């Protein structure tokens, strides 16, 4: 009789847990986002958890206390379920915050939405490992080869400019050396003429 009365009064906390804030909203084309699916899974888990620990089972475990204080038993059960749900939701929120799950869910949703516009079929394994590896590795190697060729071309251009700069510097040095030699020869010629002129003005001994 106690179990029957407990079963009749077990709708309160369980109904509250099952109801929640309503089902998750749908995105475009009736598709649920990852965050909404996660929330739906959490709600389903909470419903099953409350169902597993129903008021009937709770009252059966404490049937003597229930016979003496049925209303107080119900109140204790409701408070226990409410605190359990709040604790679990708080832990889940902490996990979502620490793992940055909301942003990850949104990123996944964005990737899926962008993938809808892809015209090329998605890659599927052929069943032949050699061909699968080749199809995955060859594009990467070709891309890397193109990058290396670009870097090589840039380096060759830098080396060409550097070689031109070195040659120009050598030409400039040669011109400066030639100018120095010319001026030195001119100075030597002037000095020789000055000595000869001085000698002409000296009195003969």
N, C-alpha and C. Protein backbone atom coordinates (compact mmCIF):
# COMPACT_ATOMS: atom_id res chain seq x y z
N UNK A 1 0.84 -1.21 0.00
CA UNK A 1 0.00 0.00 0.00
C UNK A 1 0.87 1.25 0.00
N UNK A 2 1.95 1.19 0.76
CA UNK A 2 2.87 2.33 0.77
C UNK A 2 3.49 2.54 -0.58
N UNK A 3 3.84 1.42 -1.26
CA UNK A 3 4.43 1.55 -2.59
C UNK A 3 3.45 2.13 -3.57
N UNK A 4 2.18 1.76 -3.45
CA UNK A 4 1.16 2.29 -4.37
C UNK A 4 0.99 3.77 -4.18
N UNK A 5 0.95 4.21 -2.91
CA UNK A 5 0.81 5.65 -2.64
C UNK A 5 2.01 6.40 -3.12
N UNK A 6 3.21 5.79 -2.96
CA UNK A 6 4.42 6.45 -3.43
C UNK A 6 4.42 6.58 -4.93
N UNK A 7 3.96 5.54 -5.64
CA UNK A 7 3.90 5.59 -7.11
C UNK A 7 2.94 6.67 -7.57
N UNK A 8 1.83 6.84 -6.85
CA UNK A 8 0.85 7.85 -7.23
C UNK A 8 1.40 9.24 -7.05
N UNK A 9 2.29 9.43 -6.07
CA UNK A 9 2.81 10.77 -5.82
C UNK A 9 4.15 11.03 -6.42
N UNK A 10 4.62 10.18 -7.32
CA UNK A 10 5.98 10.31 -7.86
C UNK A 10 6.06 11.16 -9.10
N UNK A 11 5.02 11.89 -9.44
CA UNK A 11 5.03 12.67 -10.68
C UNK A 11 5.69 14.01 -10.55
N UNK A 12 5.85 14.53 -9.31
CA UNK A 12 6.32 15.91 -9.14
C UNK A 12 7.72 16.14 -9.63
N UNK A 13 8.73 15.57 -8.93
CA UNK A 13 10.13 15.81 -9.28
C UNK A 13 10.47 15.23 -10.62
N UNK A 14 9.91 14.05 -10.95
CA UNK A 14 10.23 13.43 -12.23
C UNK A 14 9.67 14.26 -13.38
N UNK A 15 8.47 14.77 -13.20
CA UNK A 15 7.89 15.59 -14.27
C UNK A 15 8.66 16.86 -14.47
N UNK A 16 9.16 17.43 -13.36
CA UNK A 16 9.95 18.65 -13.47
C UNK A 16 11.24 18.40 -14.20
N UNK A 17 11.90 17.26 -13.88
CA UNK A 17 13.16 16.95 -14.53
C UNK A 17 12.97 16.67 -15.99
N UNK A 18 11.89 16.01 -16.35
CA UNK A 18 11.67 15.67 -17.75
C UNK A 18 11.27 16.86 -18.56
N UNK A 19 10.56 17.82 -17.92
CA UNK A 19 10.06 18.95 -18.68
C UNK A 19 11.14 19.92 -19.07
N UNK A 20 11.90 20.42 -18.06
CA UNK A 20 12.99 21.35 -18.32
C UNK A 20 12.49 22.62 -18.93
N UNK A 21 13.29 23.17 -19.82
CA UNK A 21 12.96 24.41 -20.51
C UNK A 21 12.41 24.16 -21.89
N UNK A 22 12.05 22.92 -22.19
CA UNK A 22 11.58 22.61 -23.53
C UNK A 22 12.70 22.06 -24.37
N UNK A 23 12.36 21.49 -25.51
CA UNK A 23 13.34 20.88 -26.38
C UNK A 23 14.23 21.91 -27.03
N UNK A 24 15.40 21.49 -27.54
CA UNK A 24 16.32 22.42 -28.19
C UNK A 24 15.75 22.94 -29.48
N UNK A 25 16.07 24.18 -29.78
CA UNK A 25 15.56 24.78 -31.01
C UNK A 25 16.28 24.20 -32.22
N UNK A 26 15.59 24.23 -33.35
CA UNK A 26 16.17 23.70 -34.57
C UNK A 26 16.83 24.80 -35.38
N UNK A 27 17.90 24.42 -36.07
CA UNK A 27 18.56 25.35 -36.98
C UNK A 27 17.87 25.29 -38.33
N UNK A 28 18.53 25.85 -39.33
CA UNK A 28 17.97 25.81 -40.67
C UNK A 28 17.80 24.40 -41.18
N UNK A 29 16.75 24.16 -41.95
CA UNK A 29 16.45 22.86 -42.52
C UNK A 29 16.21 21.80 -41.45
N UNK A 30 15.79 22.22 -40.26
CA UNK A 30 15.48 21.26 -39.21
C UNK A 30 16.69 20.56 -38.62
N UNK A 31 17.88 21.12 -38.80
CA UNK A 31 19.11 20.50 -38.30
C UNK A 31 19.46 21.10 -36.95
N UNK A 32 19.78 20.25 -35.99
CA UNK A 32 20.18 20.71 -34.67
C UNK A 32 21.68 20.99 -34.63
N UNK A 33 22.05 22.06 -33.94
CA UNK A 33 23.47 22.35 -33.77
C UNK A 33 24.10 21.41 -32.76
N UNK A 34 25.43 21.35 -32.76
CA UNK A 34 26.12 20.45 -31.83
C UNK A 34 25.84 20.82 -30.38
N UNK A 35 25.81 22.11 -30.09
CA UNK A 35 25.51 22.53 -28.73
C UNK A 35 24.12 22.13 -28.30
N UNK A 36 23.15 22.22 -29.22
CA UNK A 36 21.79 21.83 -28.91
C UNK A 36 21.66 20.32 -28.74
N UNK A 37 22.39 19.57 -29.56
CA UNK A 37 22.39 18.11 -29.40
C UNK A 37 22.99 17.71 -28.05
N UNK A 38 24.05 18.41 -27.67
CA UNK A 38 24.67 18.13 -26.38
C UNK A 38 23.69 18.41 -25.25
N UNK A 39 22.97 19.52 -25.34
CA UNK A 39 21.97 19.84 -24.31
C UNK A 39 20.86 18.80 -24.28
N UNK A 40 20.45 18.32 -25.46
CA UNK A 40 19.41 17.30 -25.52
C UNK A 40 19.88 16.00 -24.88
N UNK A 41 21.15 15.65 -25.11
CA UNK A 41 21.71 14.44 -24.50
C UNK A 41 21.74 14.58 -22.98
N UNK A 42 22.13 15.75 -22.51
CA UNK A 42 22.17 15.98 -21.06
C UNK A 42 20.77 15.87 -20.47
N UNK A 43 19.78 16.45 -21.14
CA UNK A 43 18.40 16.37 -20.65
C UNK A 43 17.92 14.93 -20.61
N UNK A 44 18.24 14.16 -21.66
CA UNK A 44 17.83 12.75 -21.69
C UNK A 44 18.49 11.98 -20.56
N UNK A 45 19.76 12.30 -20.30
CA UNK A 45 20.46 11.64 -19.20
C UNK A 45 19.81 11.96 -17.87
N UNK A 46 19.42 13.22 -17.67
CA UNK A 46 18.78 13.61 -16.42
C UNK A 46 17.44 12.91 -16.25
N UNK A 47 16.69 12.77 -17.32
CA UNK A 47 15.41 12.08 -17.26
C UNK A 47 15.60 10.62 -16.84
N UNK A 48 16.58 9.96 -17.47
CA UNK A 48 16.83 8.56 -17.13
C UNK A 48 17.35 8.41 -15.70
N UNK A 49 18.14 9.38 -15.26
CA UNK A 49 18.66 9.34 -13.90
C UNK A 49 17.53 9.45 -12.89
N UNK A 50 16.60 10.38 -13.11
CA UNK A 50 15.47 10.54 -12.20
C UNK A 50 14.56 9.33 -12.26
N UNK A 51 14.37 8.78 -13.47
CA UNK A 51 13.53 7.60 -13.59
C UNK A 51 14.14 6.42 -12.85
N UNK A 52 15.47 6.30 -12.90
CA UNK A 52 16.13 5.19 -12.21
C UNK A 52 16.00 5.34 -10.70
N UNK A 53 15.98 6.57 -10.22
CA UNK A 53 15.81 6.81 -8.78
C UNK A 53 14.44 7.38 -8.48
N UNK A 54 13.41 6.69 -8.92
CA UNK A 54 12.04 7.17 -8.79
C UNK A 54 11.62 7.28 -7.32
N UNK A 55 10.56 8.04 -7.13
CA UNK A 55 10.04 8.22 -5.77
C UNK A 55 9.55 6.90 -5.19
N UNK A 56 9.05 6.02 -6.05
CA UNK A 56 8.60 4.71 -5.59
C UNK A 56 9.74 3.94 -4.94
N UNK A 57 10.89 3.93 -5.60
CA UNK A 57 12.04 3.22 -5.06
C UNK A 57 12.55 3.90 -3.80
N UNK A 58 12.53 5.24 -3.83
CA UNK A 58 12.98 5.98 -2.65
C UNK A 58 12.11 5.66 -1.44
N UNK A 59 10.79 5.66 -1.64
CA UNK A 59 9.86 5.36 -0.55
C UNK A 59 9.98 3.91 -0.10
N UNK A 60 10.27 3.02 -1.06
CA UNK A 60 10.43 1.62 -0.69
C UNK A 60 11.65 1.42 0.20
N UNK A 61 12.71 2.17 -0.07
CA UNK A 61 13.92 2.06 0.75
C UNK A 61 13.68 2.58 2.17
N UNK A 62 12.82 3.59 2.29
CA UNK A 62 12.54 4.19 3.60
C UNK A 62 11.05 4.04 3.93
N UNK A 63 10.54 2.80 3.76
CA UNK A 63 9.10 2.58 3.88
C UNK A 63 8.58 2.84 5.29
N UNK A 64 9.37 2.59 6.30
CA UNK A 64 8.92 2.85 7.67
C UNK A 64 8.75 4.35 7.91
N UNK A 65 9.78 5.10 7.45
CA UNK A 65 9.68 6.56 7.59
C UNK A 65 8.54 7.11 6.73
N UNK A 66 8.34 6.50 5.55
CA UNK A 66 7.27 6.95 4.66
C UNK A 66 5.90 6.74 5.29
N UNK A 67 5.71 5.62 5.99
CA UNK A 67 4.41 5.35 6.62
C UNK A 67 4.13 6.37 7.72
N UNK A 68 5.18 6.79 8.41
CA UNK A 68 4.99 7.76 9.48
C UNK A 68 4.86 9.18 8.95
N UNK A 69 5.69 9.56 7.95
CA UNK A 69 5.72 10.93 7.44
C UNK A 69 5.73 10.90 5.89
N UNK A 70 4.65 10.61 5.26
CA UNK A 70 4.64 10.52 3.78
C UNK A 70 4.91 11.87 3.12
N UNK A 71 4.34 12.95 3.66
CA UNK A 71 4.56 14.26 3.05
C UNK A 71 6.02 14.71 3.22
N UNK A 72 6.58 14.48 4.38
CA UNK A 72 7.97 14.85 4.60
C UNK A 72 8.90 14.00 3.73
N UNK A 73 8.54 12.74 3.56
CA UNK A 73 9.33 11.87 2.68
C UNK A 73 9.34 12.42 1.27
N UNK A 74 8.17 12.84 0.80
CA UNK A 74 8.07 13.41 -0.54
C UNK A 74 8.89 14.68 -0.66
N UNK A 75 8.84 15.52 0.36
CA UNK A 75 9.58 16.77 0.33
C UNK A 75 11.09 16.51 0.30
N UNK A 76 11.54 15.53 1.11
CA UNK A 76 12.96 15.19 1.11
C UNK A 76 13.39 14.68 -0.26
N UNK A 77 12.57 13.85 -0.86
CA UNK A 77 12.89 13.31 -2.18
C UNK A 77 12.98 14.43 -3.23
N UNK A 78 12.01 15.32 -3.21
CA UNK A 78 12.02 16.42 -4.18
C UNK A 78 13.27 17.28 -4.02
N UNK A 79 13.63 17.58 -2.78
CA UNK A 79 14.83 18.39 -2.55
C UNK A 79 16.09 17.64 -3.00
N UNK A 80 16.13 16.34 -2.71
CA UNK A 80 17.28 15.54 -3.12
C UNK A 80 17.45 15.53 -4.64
N UNK A 81 16.35 15.31 -5.36
CA UNK A 81 16.41 15.27 -6.83
C UNK A 81 16.79 16.64 -7.39
N UNK A 82 16.21 17.70 -6.83
CA UNK A 82 16.52 19.05 -7.31
C UNK A 82 17.99 19.37 -7.11
N UNK A 83 18.53 19.05 -5.93
CA UNK A 83 19.94 19.33 -5.65
C UNK A 83 20.85 18.47 -6.52
N UNK A 84 20.45 17.22 -6.76
CA UNK A 84 21.24 16.34 -7.61
C UNK A 84 21.30 16.88 -9.04
N UNK A 85 20.15 17.30 -9.56
CA UNK A 85 20.12 17.86 -10.91
C UNK A 85 20.95 19.13 -11.00
N UNK A 86 20.82 20.00 -10.02
CA UNK A 86 21.57 21.25 -10.03
C UNK A 86 23.07 20.98 -9.97
N UNK A 87 23.47 20.01 -9.16
CA UNK A 87 24.89 19.67 -9.05
C UNK A 87 25.44 19.13 -10.36
N UNK A 88 24.68 18.24 -10.98
CA UNK A 88 25.13 17.65 -12.25
C UNK A 88 25.22 18.72 -13.33
N UNK A 89 24.21 19.58 -13.43
CA UNK A 89 24.24 20.65 -14.44
C UNK A 89 25.41 21.61 -14.20
N UNK A 90 25.69 21.88 -12.93
CA UNK A 90 26.81 22.77 -12.62
C UNK A 90 28.13 22.14 -13.05
N UNK A 91 28.28 20.84 -12.79
CA UNK A 91 29.50 20.14 -13.21
C UNK A 91 29.64 20.14 -14.73
N UNK A 92 28.54 19.93 -15.42
CA UNK A 92 28.57 19.92 -16.89
C UNK A 92 28.92 21.30 -17.43
N UNK A 93 28.40 22.34 -16.81
CA UNK A 93 28.73 23.70 -17.23
C UNK A 93 30.22 23.99 -17.02
N UNK A 94 30.79 23.48 -15.92
CA UNK A 94 32.22 23.66 -15.67
C UNK A 94 33.05 22.96 -16.72
N UNK A 95 32.62 21.75 -17.09
CA UNK A 95 33.33 21.01 -18.13
C UNK A 95 33.25 21.74 -19.46
N UNK A 96 32.08 22.25 -19.80
CA UNK A 96 31.90 23.01 -21.04
C UNK A 96 32.77 24.27 -21.05
N UNK A 97 32.86 24.92 -19.90
CA UNK A 97 33.65 26.15 -19.81
C UNK A 97 35.13 25.86 -19.92
N UNK A 98 35.60 24.86 -19.17
CA UNK A 98 37.03 24.52 -19.20
C UNK A 98 37.47 24.00 -20.56
N UNK A 99 36.61 23.22 -21.20
CA UNK A 99 36.95 22.67 -22.51
C UNK A 99 36.58 23.57 -23.67
N UNK A 100 36.00 24.74 -23.37
CA UNK A 100 35.59 25.68 -24.42
C UNK A 100 34.70 24.98 -25.45
N UNK A 101 33.76 24.17 -24.94
CA UNK A 101 32.94 23.34 -25.81
C UNK A 101 31.99 24.16 -26.69
N UNK A 102 31.48 25.26 -26.15
CA UNK A 102 30.53 26.07 -26.94
C UNK A 102 31.19 26.55 -28.24
N UNK A 103 32.41 27.07 -28.11
CA UNK A 103 33.12 27.56 -29.29
C UNK A 103 33.45 26.41 -30.24
N UNK A 104 33.83 25.26 -29.66
CA UNK A 104 34.12 24.11 -30.51
C UNK A 104 32.87 23.63 -31.23
N UNK A 105 31.74 23.60 -30.55
CA UNK A 105 30.49 23.20 -31.19
C UNK A 105 30.14 24.16 -32.33
N UNK A 106 30.30 25.46 -32.08
CA UNK A 106 29.99 26.44 -33.11
C UNK A 106 30.93 26.30 -34.31
N UNK A 107 32.21 26.00 -34.04
CA UNK A 107 33.16 25.79 -35.13
C UNK A 107 32.79 24.58 -35.97
N UNK A 108 32.38 23.51 -35.30
CA UNK A 108 31.95 22.31 -36.03
C UNK A 108 30.71 22.59 -36.87
N UNK A 109 29.76 23.33 -36.29
CA UNK A 109 28.56 23.69 -37.05
C UNK A 109 28.92 24.51 -38.29
N UNK A 110 29.87 25.42 -38.12
CA UNK A 110 30.29 26.27 -39.24
C UNK A 110 30.96 25.43 -40.33
N UNK A 111 31.80 24.47 -39.91
CA UNK A 111 32.47 23.61 -40.88
C UNK A 111 31.45 22.79 -41.66
N UNK A 112 30.46 22.28 -40.94
CA UNK A 112 29.42 21.47 -41.61
C UNK A 112 28.63 22.32 -42.59
N UNK A 113 28.29 23.55 -42.19
CA UNK A 113 27.53 24.44 -43.09
C UNK A 113 28.34 24.77 -44.33
N UNK A 114 29.65 25.03 -44.15
CA UNK A 114 30.48 25.35 -45.30
C UNK A 114 30.66 24.14 -46.21
N UNK A 115 30.67 22.96 -45.61
CA UNK A 115 30.86 21.74 -46.40
C UNK A 115 29.68 21.46 -47.31
N UNK A 116 28.52 22.04 -47.00
CA UNK A 116 27.35 21.82 -47.86
C UNK A 116 27.54 22.40 -49.24
N UNK A 117 28.39 23.42 -49.36
CA UNK A 117 28.61 24.07 -50.65
C UNK A 117 29.70 23.40 -51.47
N UNK A 118 30.38 22.40 -50.90
CA UNK A 118 31.43 21.71 -51.65
C UNK A 118 30.80 20.89 -52.77
N UNK A 119 31.36 21.06 -53.94
CA UNK A 119 30.86 20.31 -55.09
C UNK A 119 31.62 19.01 -55.28
N UNK A 120 32.86 18.97 -54.82
CA UNK A 120 33.65 17.76 -54.96
C UNK A 120 33.22 16.73 -53.92
N UNK A 121 33.18 15.47 -54.28
CA UNK A 121 32.79 14.44 -53.31
C UNK A 121 33.84 14.29 -52.22
N UNK A 122 33.39 13.94 -51.04
CA UNK A 122 34.31 13.76 -49.91
C UNK A 122 35.20 12.55 -50.16
N UNK A 123 36.39 12.60 -49.58
CA UNK A 123 37.34 11.51 -49.77
C UNK A 123 36.86 10.27 -49.04
N UNK A 124 36.97 9.13 -49.69
CA UNK A 124 36.63 7.85 -49.10
C UNK A 124 37.76 6.87 -49.38
N UNK A 125 38.11 6.02 -48.43
CA UNK A 125 39.18 5.05 -48.68
C UNK A 125 38.77 4.07 -49.77
N UNK A 126 39.72 3.72 -50.62
CA UNK A 126 39.46 2.81 -51.73
C UNK A 126 39.57 1.36 -51.32
N UNK A 127 40.18 1.11 -50.18
CA UNK A 127 40.40 -0.26 -49.76
C UNK A 127 41.79 -0.75 -50.10
N UNK A 128 42.52 0.03 -50.92
CA UNK A 128 43.89 -0.32 -51.28
C UNK A 128 44.82 0.66 -50.56
N UNK A 129 45.53 0.21 -49.53
CA UNK A 129 46.34 1.15 -48.73
C UNK A 129 47.34 1.95 -49.55
N UNK A 130 47.99 1.29 -50.54
CA UNK A 130 48.99 2.00 -51.33
C UNK A 130 48.37 3.19 -52.07
N UNK A 131 47.21 2.96 -52.68
CA UNK A 131 46.56 4.04 -53.42
C UNK A 131 46.05 5.12 -52.47
N UNK A 132 45.54 4.72 -51.32
CA UNK A 132 45.05 5.71 -50.35
C UNK A 132 46.19 6.59 -49.86
N UNK A 133 47.33 5.96 -49.55
CA UNK A 133 48.49 6.74 -49.10
C UNK A 133 48.97 7.66 -50.20
N UNK A 134 49.02 7.14 -51.44
CA UNK A 134 49.48 7.95 -52.56
C UNK A 134 48.54 9.14 -52.78
N UNK A 135 47.25 8.90 -52.72
CA UNK A 135 46.29 9.98 -52.96
C UNK A 135 46.35 11.03 -51.86
N UNK A 136 46.76 10.62 -50.66
CA UNK A 136 46.85 11.58 -49.55
C UNK A 136 48.19 12.29 -49.51
N UNK A 137 49.26 11.55 -49.86
CA UNK A 137 50.61 12.10 -49.73
C UNK A 137 51.02 12.91 -50.96
N UNK A 138 50.67 12.44 -52.16
CA UNK A 138 51.11 13.11 -53.38
C UNK A 138 50.67 14.57 -53.44
N UNK A 139 49.39 14.89 -53.16
CA UNK A 139 49.02 16.32 -53.18
C UNK A 139 49.84 17.15 -52.21
N UNK A 140 50.13 16.59 -51.04
CA UNK A 140 50.94 17.33 -50.06
C UNK A 140 52.35 17.54 -50.59
N UNK A 141 52.93 16.48 -51.19
CA UNK A 141 54.29 16.61 -51.72
C UNK A 141 54.33 17.61 -52.87
N UNK A 142 53.32 17.58 -53.72
CA UNK A 142 53.27 18.55 -54.83
C UNK A 142 53.16 19.97 -54.31
N UNK A 143 52.34 20.15 -53.30
CA UNK A 143 52.20 21.48 -52.70
C UNK A 143 53.52 21.91 -52.07
N UNK A 144 54.18 20.98 -51.38
CA UNK A 144 55.47 21.30 -50.77
C UNK A 144 56.52 21.59 -51.84
N UNK A 145 56.46 20.85 -52.94
CA UNK A 145 57.39 21.08 -54.04
C UNK A 145 57.19 22.47 -54.63
N UNK A 146 55.93 22.86 -54.81
CA UNK A 146 55.64 24.20 -55.33
C UNK A 146 56.15 25.27 -54.38
N UNK A 147 56.01 25.03 -53.09
CA UNK A 147 56.51 25.99 -52.11
C UNK A 147 58.03 26.10 -52.18
N UNK A 148 58.71 24.95 -52.28
CA UNK A 148 60.17 24.95 -52.35
C UNK A 148 60.66 25.64 -53.63
N UNK A 149 59.96 25.41 -54.73
CA UNK A 149 60.33 26.07 -55.98
C UNK A 149 60.18 27.58 -55.86
N UNK A 150 59.13 28.00 -55.18
CA UNK A 150 58.93 29.44 -54.98
C UNK A 150 60.05 30.02 -54.12
N UNK A 151 60.40 29.31 -53.05
CA UNK A 151 61.48 29.77 -52.18
C UNK A 151 62.80 29.80 -52.94
N UNK A 152 63.05 28.75 -53.75
CA UNK A 152 64.28 28.69 -54.54
C UNK A 152 64.36 29.85 -55.52
N UNK A 153 63.24 30.15 -56.16
CA UNK A 153 63.22 31.26 -57.12
C UNK A 153 63.51 32.59 -56.41
N UNK A 154 62.95 32.76 -55.22
CA UNK A 154 63.19 33.98 -54.47
C UNK A 154 64.66 34.08 -54.06
N UNK A 155 65.24 32.96 -53.64
CA UNK A 155 66.65 32.96 -53.25
C UNK A 155 67.55 33.24 -54.46
N UNK A 156 67.22 32.65 -55.60
CA UNK A 156 68.00 32.91 -56.80
C UNK A 156 67.94 34.37 -57.19
N UNK A 157 66.77 34.98 -57.04
CA UNK A 157 66.64 36.40 -57.36
C UNK A 157 67.46 37.25 -56.39
N UNK A 158 67.44 36.86 -55.11
CA UNK A 158 68.26 37.58 -54.12
C UNK A 158 69.74 37.43 -54.44
N UNK A 159 70.15 36.22 -54.80
CA UNK A 159 71.57 36.00 -55.14
C UNK A 159 71.98 36.78 -56.38
N UNK A 160 71.06 36.86 -57.35
CA UNK A 160 71.37 37.63 -58.57
C UNK A 160 71.57 39.10 -58.23
N UNK A 161 70.67 39.64 -57.42
CA UNK A 161 70.81 41.05 -57.03
C UNK A 161 72.08 41.26 -56.20
N UNK A 162 72.39 40.31 -55.35
CA UNK A 162 73.60 40.42 -54.55
C UNK A 162 74.84 40.37 -55.43
N UNK A 163 74.84 39.48 -56.44
CA UNK A 163 75.98 39.39 -57.36
C UNK A 163 76.14 40.68 -58.15
N UNK A 164 75.02 41.24 -58.59
CA UNK A 164 75.08 42.52 -59.31
C UNK A 164 75.64 43.62 -58.41
N UNK A 165 75.22 43.58 -57.14
CA UNK A 165 75.72 44.59 -56.21
C UNK A 165 77.22 44.43 -55.99
N UNK A 166 77.69 43.17 -55.89
CA UNK A 166 79.12 42.91 -55.71
C UNK A 166 79.91 43.39 -56.92
N UNK A 167 79.40 43.08 -58.13
CA UNK A 167 80.09 43.51 -59.36
C UNK A 167 80.12 45.02 -59.46
N UNK A 168 79.00 45.65 -59.11
CA UNK A 168 78.98 47.11 -59.15
C UNK A 168 79.98 47.69 -58.15
N UNK A 169 80.09 47.05 -56.98
CA UNK A 169 81.06 47.51 -55.99
C UNK A 169 82.49 47.34 -56.48
N UNK A 170 82.76 46.23 -57.17
CA UNK A 170 84.10 46.02 -57.73
C UNK A 170 84.42 47.06 -58.79
N UNK A 171 83.46 47.36 -59.64
CA UNK A 171 83.67 48.38 -60.68
C UNK A 171 83.96 49.74 -60.03
N UNK A 172 83.20 50.03 -58.97
CA UNK A 172 83.41 51.31 -58.28
C UNK A 172 84.81 51.36 -57.65
N UNK A 173 85.23 50.25 -57.07
CA UNK A 173 86.57 50.19 -56.47
C UNK A 173 87.65 50.35 -57.54
N UNK A 174 87.46 49.70 -58.70
CA UNK A 174 88.43 49.81 -59.80
C UNK A 174 88.53 51.26 -60.29
N UNK A 175 87.36 51.92 -60.40
CA UNK A 175 87.37 53.32 -60.84
C UNK A 175 88.08 54.20 -59.81
N UNK A 176 87.82 53.96 -58.54
CA UNK A 176 88.50 54.74 -57.51
C UNK A 176 90.00 54.51 -57.52
N UNK A 177 90.42 53.26 -57.74
CA UNK A 177 91.84 52.94 -57.82
C UNK A 177 92.50 53.63 -59.00
N UNK A 178 91.76 53.62 -60.13
CA UNK A 178 92.29 54.29 -61.32
C UNK A 178 92.41 55.79 -61.09
N UNK A 179 91.42 56.38 -60.41
CA UNK A 179 91.46 57.80 -60.12
C UNK A 179 92.63 58.14 -59.19
N UNK A 180 92.84 57.26 -58.20
CA UNK A 180 93.96 57.48 -57.27
C UNK A 180 95.30 57.41 -58.02
N UNK A 181 95.44 56.42 -58.90
CA UNK A 181 96.68 56.30 -59.67
C UNK A 181 96.89 57.52 -60.56
N UNK A 182 95.81 57.97 -61.18
CA UNK A 182 95.92 59.13 -62.06
C UNK A 182 96.38 60.36 -61.28
N UNK A 183 95.79 60.60 -60.14
CA UNK A 183 96.14 61.76 -59.33
C UNK A 183 97.56 61.62 -58.77
N UNK A 184 97.94 60.41 -58.43
CA UNK A 184 99.29 60.20 -57.92
C UNK A 184 100.33 60.50 -59.00
N UNK A 185 100.03 60.01 -60.22
CA UNK A 185 100.94 60.29 -61.33
C UNK A 185 101.00 61.79 -61.62
N UNK A 186 99.83 62.43 -61.55
CA UNK A 186 99.82 63.89 -61.79
C UNK A 186 100.60 64.62 -60.71
N UNK A 187 100.47 64.18 -59.48
CA UNK A 187 101.21 64.81 -58.39
C UNK A 187 102.71 64.59 -58.54
N UNK A 188 103.07 63.39 -58.95
CA UNK A 188 104.50 63.11 -59.17
C UNK A 188 105.04 63.97 -60.30
N UNK A 189 104.26 64.16 -61.34
CA UNK A 189 104.71 65.01 -62.46
C UNK A 189 104.89 66.46 -62.01
N UNK A 190 103.93 66.94 -61.22
CA UNK A 190 104.03 68.32 -60.73
C UNK A 190 105.25 68.47 -59.82
N UNK A 191 105.48 67.49 -58.99
CA UNK A 191 106.63 67.56 -58.08
C UNK A 191 107.94 67.58 -58.87
N UNK A 192 108.00 66.80 -59.93
CA UNK A 192 109.20 66.76 -60.74
C UNK A 192 109.44 68.11 -61.42
N UNK A 193 108.38 68.72 -61.93
CA UNK A 193 108.52 70.02 -62.57
C UNK A 193 108.96 71.08 -61.56
N UNK A 194 108.39 70.98 -60.34
CA UNK A 194 108.78 71.95 -59.32
C UNK A 194 110.26 71.82 -58.96
N UNK A 195 110.74 70.59 -58.86
CA UNK A 195 112.16 70.39 -58.54
C UNK A 195 113.06 70.94 -59.66
N UNK A 196 112.64 70.66 -60.90
CA UNK A 196 113.43 71.17 -62.02
C UNK A 196 113.43 72.69 -62.05
N UNK A 197 112.29 73.30 -61.73
CA UNK A 197 112.20 74.76 -61.71
C UNK A 197 113.07 75.35 -60.61
N UNK A 198 113.06 74.70 -59.47
CA UNK A 198 113.89 75.16 -58.38
C UNK A 198 115.36 75.07 -58.73
N UNK A 199 115.73 74.01 -59.41
CA UNK A 199 117.12 73.83 -59.79
C UNK A 199 117.57 74.90 -60.75
N UNK A 200 116.70 75.38 -61.58
CA UNK A 200 117.09 76.43 -62.54
C UNK A 200 117.39 77.76 -61.88
N UNK A 201 116.75 77.99 -60.71
CA UNK A 201 116.96 79.27 -60.00
C UNK A 201 118.16 79.25 -59.06
N UNK A 202 118.73 78.11 -58.88
CA UNK A 202 119.90 78.04 -58.00
C UNK A 202 121.13 78.62 -58.74
N UNK A 203 121.97 79.31 -58.00
CA UNK A 203 123.18 79.90 -58.58
C UNK A 203 124.20 78.79 -58.82
N UNK A 204 124.88 78.94 -59.89
CA UNK A 204 125.91 77.93 -60.15
C UNK A 204 127.06 78.10 -59.18
N UNK A 205 127.61 77.05 -58.72
CA UNK A 205 128.72 77.09 -57.76
C UNK A 205 130.04 77.24 -58.51
